[in-house]
Amino acid sequence: MKSRILFVAALLSLSTLALAWDTYEISLSHTSKAGSVEIKAGRYTMKVDKGVAVLTNISSGEEYMIGVKMQNTATRFSATHVDIDSTGAVDAVKDIQLGGTTTQIEFD
């Protein structure tokens, strides 16, 4: 019985870790556009799955769903990095490099 409880606890811990691997944290210092979606400044958690990024504002819980294209690069990114184009009236998110992976996402 005791070993069964330990097995279930270990399984739950592993499933929690697996979910955490798909979540990234980003910060936007200004209101920005990602694709056609305008996102308020703030700190966000981001999950990417099947061509859709879901950004959730950490303090308000507000969510944004945005279509993305995912590309693999030759080098692994050491940290998550948001590439911003600030030449227009509103900052535009060009791409996000996902730390610890070779994945770069671009917004549709």
N, C-alpha and C. Protein backbone atom coordinates (compact mmCIF):
# COMPACT_ATOMS: atom_id res chain seq x y z
N MET A 1 0.82 -1.19 0.00
CA MET A 1 0.00 0.00 0.00
C MET A 1 0.87 1.26 0.00
N LYS A 2 1.90 1.24 0.85
CA LYS A 2 2.78 2.41 0.96
C LYS A 2 3.51 2.66 -0.36
N SER A 3 3.97 1.59 -1.01
CA SER A 3 4.68 1.76 -2.28
C SER A 3 3.74 2.28 -3.36
N ARG A 4 2.48 1.89 -3.32
CA ARG A 4 1.49 2.38 -4.29
C ARG A 4 1.28 3.88 -4.11
N ILE A 5 1.22 4.35 -2.89
CA ILE A 5 1.05 5.78 -2.61
C ILE A 5 2.26 6.56 -3.10
N LEU A 6 3.46 6.04 -2.86
CA LEU A 6 4.68 6.69 -3.33
C LEU A 6 4.72 6.74 -4.85
N PHE A 7 4.29 5.66 -5.50
CA PHE A 7 4.26 5.62 -6.97
C PHE A 7 3.31 6.69 -7.51
N VAL A 8 2.13 6.81 -6.94
CA VAL A 8 1.16 7.81 -7.39
C VAL A 8 1.71 9.21 -7.15
N ALA A 9 2.35 9.45 -6.02
CA ALA A 9 2.94 10.77 -5.73
C ALA A 9 4.04 11.10 -6.73
N ALA A 10 4.87 10.13 -7.05
CA ALA A 10 5.94 10.35 -8.03
C ALA A 10 5.36 10.63 -9.41
N LEU A 11 4.32 9.92 -9.79
CA LEU A 11 3.68 10.13 -11.08
C LEU A 11 3.07 11.52 -11.18
N LEU A 12 2.43 11.97 -10.12
CA LEU A 12 1.86 13.32 -10.10
C LEU A 12 2.95 14.38 -10.20
N SER A 13 4.07 14.16 -9.53
CA SER A 13 5.18 15.10 -9.58
C SER A 13 5.74 15.20 -11.00
N LEU A 14 5.90 14.07 -11.66
CA LEU A 14 6.41 14.07 -13.04
C LEU A 14 5.45 14.75 -14.00
N SER A 15 4.15 14.53 -13.82
CA SER A 15 3.19 15.18 -14.72
C SER A 15 3.18 16.69 -14.50
N THR A 16 3.37 17.13 -13.28
CA THR A 16 3.45 18.56 -13.00
C THR A 16 4.69 19.16 -13.65
N LEU A 17 5.82 18.47 -13.58
CA LEU A 17 7.03 18.95 -14.23
C LEU A 17 6.85 19.02 -15.75
N ALA A 18 6.22 18.05 -16.33
CA ALA A 18 6.02 18.04 -17.77
C ALA A 18 5.18 19.24 -18.20
N LEU A 19 4.16 19.59 -17.42
CA LEU A 19 3.35 20.76 -17.75
C LEU A 19 4.17 22.04 -17.62
N ALA A 20 5.05 22.11 -16.65
CA ALA A 20 5.85 23.31 -16.41
C ALA A 20 6.83 23.56 -17.56
N TRP A 21 7.29 22.50 -18.23
CA TRP A 21 8.25 22.67 -19.33
C TRP A 21 7.65 23.44 -20.48
N ASP A 22 6.34 23.40 -20.65
CA ASP A 22 5.69 24.08 -21.77
C ASP A 22 5.32 25.53 -21.46
N THR A 23 5.64 26.03 -20.29
CA THR A 23 5.27 27.38 -19.88
C THR A 23 6.51 28.26 -19.81
N TYR A 24 6.41 29.44 -20.40
CA TYR A 24 7.52 30.41 -20.41
C TYR A 24 7.00 31.72 -19.84
N GLU A 25 7.90 32.52 -19.30
CA GLU A 25 7.51 33.82 -18.76
C GLU A 25 8.17 34.91 -19.59
N ILE A 26 7.36 35.91 -19.98
CA ILE A 26 7.88 37.06 -20.72
C ILE A 26 7.38 38.34 -20.08
N SER A 27 8.07 39.44 -20.36
CA SER A 27 7.66 40.76 -19.88
C SER A 27 7.62 41.72 -21.06
N LEU A 28 6.60 42.55 -21.08
CA LEU A 28 6.49 43.60 -22.09
C LEU A 28 6.46 44.93 -21.35
N SER A 29 7.40 45.82 -21.67
CA SER A 29 7.46 47.10 -20.97
C SER A 29 6.50 48.12 -21.55
N HIS A 30 6.00 47.89 -22.76
CA HIS A 30 5.04 48.79 -23.40
C HIS A 30 3.93 47.96 -24.03
N THR A 31 2.79 48.59 -24.26
CA THR A 31 1.74 47.93 -25.03
C THR A 31 2.31 47.58 -26.39
N SER A 32 2.10 46.35 -26.83
CA SER A 32 2.71 45.86 -28.07
C SER A 32 1.70 45.06 -28.87
N LYS A 33 1.96 44.94 -30.16
CA LYS A 33 1.14 44.09 -31.03
C LYS A 33 1.91 42.81 -31.33
N ALA A 34 1.22 41.69 -31.22
CA ALA A 34 1.76 40.39 -31.62
C ALA A 34 0.78 39.88 -32.66
N GLY A 35 1.22 39.84 -33.92
CA GLY A 35 0.28 39.56 -35.00
C GLY A 35 -0.70 40.71 -35.07
N SER A 36 -1.99 40.42 -35.01
CA SER A 36 -3.00 41.48 -35.05
C SER A 36 -3.56 41.79 -33.66
N VAL A 37 -2.99 41.17 -32.62
CA VAL A 37 -3.50 41.32 -31.26
C VAL A 37 -2.67 42.33 -30.49
N GLU A 38 -3.34 43.31 -29.87
CA GLU A 38 -2.65 44.29 -29.04
C GLU A 38 -2.62 43.78 -27.60
N ILE A 39 -1.41 43.75 -27.02
CA ILE A 39 -1.20 43.21 -25.68
C ILE A 39 -0.71 44.33 -24.76
N LYS A 40 -1.35 44.45 -23.61
CA LYS A 40 -0.96 45.48 -22.64
C LYS A 40 0.40 45.16 -22.03
N ALA A 41 1.10 46.19 -21.59
CA ALA A 41 2.38 46.01 -20.90
C ALA A 41 2.16 45.18 -19.64
N GLY A 42 3.15 44.35 -19.29
CA GLY A 42 3.05 43.56 -18.08
C GLY A 42 3.85 42.27 -18.18
N ARG A 43 3.72 41.45 -17.13
CA ARG A 43 4.39 40.14 -17.09
C ARG A 43 3.37 39.07 -17.45
N TYR A 44 3.81 38.12 -18.29
CA TYR A 44 2.92 37.10 -18.81
C TYR A 44 3.54 35.71 -18.70
N THR A 45 2.69 34.72 -18.50
CA THR A 45 3.10 33.34 -18.75
C THR A 45 2.62 33.02 -20.16
N MET A 46 3.39 32.19 -20.85
CA MET A 46 3.05 31.87 -22.22
C MET A 46 3.14 30.37 -22.43
N LYS A 47 2.09 29.79 -23.01
CA LYS A 47 2.07 28.39 -23.40
C LYS A 47 1.88 28.36 -24.91
N VAL A 48 2.62 27.49 -25.58
CA VAL A 48 2.52 27.36 -27.02
C VAL A 48 2.15 25.93 -27.36
N ASP A 49 1.09 25.77 -28.16
CA ASP A 49 0.66 24.43 -28.55
C ASP A 49 -0.06 24.49 -29.88
N LYS A 50 0.37 23.68 -30.82
CA LYS A 50 -0.30 23.51 -32.11
C LYS A 50 -0.56 24.82 -32.83
N GLY A 51 0.44 25.68 -32.91
CA GLY A 51 0.32 26.91 -33.66
C GLY A 51 -0.42 28.04 -32.98
N VAL A 52 -0.67 27.90 -31.68
CA VAL A 52 -1.35 28.95 -30.92
C VAL A 52 -0.56 29.23 -29.65
N ALA A 53 -0.31 30.52 -29.41
CA ALA A 53 0.32 30.95 -28.15
C ALA A 53 -0.78 31.54 -27.27
N VAL A 54 -0.79 31.14 -26.01
CA VAL A 54 -1.74 31.71 -25.04
C VAL A 54 -0.91 32.47 -24.02
N LEU A 55 -1.09 33.80 -24.00
CA LEU A 55 -0.40 34.65 -23.04
C LEU A 55 -1.38 35.02 -21.95
N THR A 56 -0.98 34.80 -20.69
CA THR A 56 -1.83 35.11 -19.54
C THR A 56 -1.13 36.13 -18.67
N ASN A 57 -1.77 37.27 -18.45
CA ASN A 57 -1.20 38.31 -17.60
C ASN A 57 -1.14 37.78 -16.17
N ILE A 58 0.04 37.82 -15.57
CA ILE A 58 0.24 37.24 -14.24
C ILE A 58 -0.58 37.95 -13.17
N SER A 59 -0.71 39.27 -13.26
CA SER A 59 -1.43 39.98 -12.20
C SER A 59 -2.94 40.04 -12.42
N SER A 60 -3.41 40.14 -13.67
CA SER A 60 -4.85 40.29 -13.91
C SER A 60 -5.53 39.01 -14.37
N GLY A 61 -4.76 38.05 -14.90
CA GLY A 61 -5.35 36.82 -15.42
C GLY A 61 -5.91 36.96 -16.83
N GLU A 62 -5.82 38.15 -17.42
CA GLU A 62 -6.33 38.38 -18.78
C GLU A 62 -5.54 37.53 -19.77
N GLU A 63 -6.24 36.87 -20.71
CA GLU A 63 -5.60 35.97 -21.66
C GLU A 63 -5.70 36.50 -23.09
N TYR A 64 -4.66 36.22 -23.86
CA TYR A 64 -4.61 36.53 -25.27
C TYR A 64 -4.24 35.26 -26.02
N MET A 65 -5.00 34.92 -27.06
CA MET A 65 -4.68 33.77 -27.91
C MET A 65 -4.24 34.30 -29.26
N ILE A 66 -3.05 33.86 -29.71
CA ILE A 66 -2.44 34.41 -30.92
C ILE A 66 -1.89 33.27 -31.77
N GLY A 67 -2.17 33.30 -33.08
CA GLY A 67 -1.61 32.31 -33.99
C GLY A 67 -0.12 32.54 -34.16
N VAL A 68 0.66 31.46 -34.18
CA VAL A 68 2.12 31.56 -34.30
C VAL A 68 2.64 30.55 -35.31
N LYS A 69 3.84 30.82 -35.81
CA LYS A 69 4.62 29.88 -36.60
C LYS A 69 5.83 29.51 -35.76
N MET A 70 6.12 28.22 -35.69
CA MET A 70 7.26 27.76 -34.89
C MET A 70 8.37 27.31 -35.82
N GLN A 71 9.60 27.74 -35.49
CA GLN A 71 10.77 27.35 -36.27
C GLN A 71 11.85 26.84 -35.33
N ASN A 72 12.59 25.85 -35.79
CA ASN A 72 13.75 25.36 -35.04
C ASN A 72 15.00 25.98 -35.63
N THR A 73 15.93 26.37 -34.76
CA THR A 73 17.18 26.97 -35.19
C THR A 73 18.33 26.01 -34.90
N ALA A 74 19.51 26.37 -35.37
CA ALA A 74 20.68 25.51 -35.18
C ALA A 74 21.24 25.60 -33.76
N THR A 75 20.98 26.69 -33.06
CA THR A 75 21.54 26.88 -31.72
C THR A 75 20.44 26.92 -30.67
N ARG A 76 20.81 26.48 -29.47
CA ARG A 76 19.89 26.49 -28.32
C ARG A 76 19.94 27.88 -27.68
N PHE A 77 18.78 28.41 -27.33
CA PHE A 77 18.69 29.72 -26.68
C PHE A 77 18.89 29.55 -25.18
N SER A 78 19.76 30.37 -24.60
CA SER A 78 20.05 30.25 -23.17
C SER A 78 18.94 30.82 -22.30
N ALA A 79 18.19 31.79 -22.82
CA ALA A 79 17.10 32.41 -22.06
C ALA A 79 15.99 32.79 -23.03
N THR A 80 14.79 32.93 -22.49
CA THR A 80 13.67 33.38 -23.31
C THR A 80 13.86 34.86 -23.61
N HIS A 81 13.75 35.20 -24.89
CA HIS A 81 14.01 36.57 -25.33
C HIS A 81 12.90 37.02 -26.28
N VAL A 82 12.37 38.22 -26.03
CA VAL A 82 11.33 38.81 -26.89
C VAL A 82 12.01 39.84 -27.78
N ASP A 83 11.87 39.67 -29.10
CA ASP A 83 12.44 40.59 -30.07
C ASP A 83 11.36 41.57 -30.50
N ILE A 84 11.58 42.86 -30.19
CA ILE A 84 10.58 43.91 -30.41
C ILE A 84 11.04 44.87 -31.51
N ASP A 85 10.11 45.25 -32.39
CA ASP A 85 10.35 46.30 -33.39
C ASP A 85 9.61 47.54 -32.90
N SER A 86 10.35 48.57 -32.51
CA SER A 86 9.73 49.78 -31.95
C SER A 86 9.78 50.96 -32.91
N THR A 87 9.82 50.70 -34.21
CA THR A 87 9.89 51.80 -35.19
C THR A 87 8.53 52.42 -35.47
N GLY A 88 7.43 51.71 -35.24
CA GLY A 88 6.09 52.23 -35.52
C GLY A 88 5.49 52.94 -34.32
N ALA A 89 4.22 53.31 -34.45
CA ALA A 89 3.50 53.99 -33.37
C ALA A 89 3.32 53.06 -32.17
N VAL A 90 3.15 51.77 -32.43
CA VAL A 90 3.00 50.76 -31.37
C VAL A 90 4.10 49.73 -31.56
N ASP A 91 4.74 49.33 -30.47
CA ASP A 91 5.77 48.29 -30.54
C ASP A 91 5.17 47.02 -31.14
N ALA A 92 5.96 46.30 -31.94
CA ALA A 92 5.51 45.04 -32.54
C ALA A 92 6.45 43.92 -32.11
N VAL A 93 5.87 42.83 -31.61
CA VAL A 93 6.65 41.66 -31.24
C VAL A 93 6.99 40.93 -32.55
N LYS A 94 8.28 40.86 -32.88
CA LYS A 94 8.71 40.17 -34.10
C LYS A 94 8.76 38.67 -33.87
N ASP A 95 9.43 38.26 -32.80
CA ASP A 95 9.52 36.84 -32.47
C ASP A 95 9.90 36.67 -31.02
N ILE A 96 9.76 35.44 -30.54
CA ILE A 96 10.16 35.09 -29.18
C ILE A 96 11.01 33.83 -29.28
N GLN A 97 12.20 33.89 -28.69
CA GLN A 97 13.10 32.74 -28.64
C GLN A 97 12.89 32.07 -27.28
N LEU A 98 12.57 30.80 -27.30
CA LEU A 98 12.23 30.09 -26.07
C LEU A 98 13.47 29.52 -25.41
N GLY A 99 13.78 30.03 -24.21
CA GLY A 99 14.98 29.62 -23.47
C GLY A 99 15.04 28.13 -23.21
N GLY A 100 16.23 27.55 -23.38
CA GLY A 100 16.43 26.14 -23.15
C GLY A 100 16.04 25.26 -24.33
N THR A 101 15.60 25.90 -25.43
CA THR A 101 15.19 25.16 -26.62
C THR A 101 15.87 25.74 -27.86
N THR A 102 15.59 25.13 -28.98
CA THR A 102 16.04 25.69 -30.28
C THR A 102 14.84 26.28 -31.02
N THR A 103 13.74 26.53 -30.30
CA THR A 103 12.49 26.99 -30.90
C THR A 103 12.36 28.51 -30.85
N GLN A 104 12.00 29.04 -32.00
CA GLN A 104 11.69 30.47 -32.12
C GLN A 104 10.27 30.56 -32.67
N ILE A 105 9.44 31.41 -32.07
CA ILE A 105 8.08 31.55 -32.57
C ILE A 105 7.91 32.93 -33.21
N GLU A 106 7.17 32.97 -34.30
CA GLU A 106 6.84 34.21 -34.99
C GLU A 106 5.32 34.31 -35.03
N PHE A 107 4.84 35.54 -35.00
CA PHE A 107 3.39 35.74 -34.92
C PHE A 107 2.79 35.95 -36.30
N ASP A 108 1.63 35.30 -36.54
CA ASP A 108 0.92 35.42 -37.82
C ASP A 108 0.35 36.82 -38.00
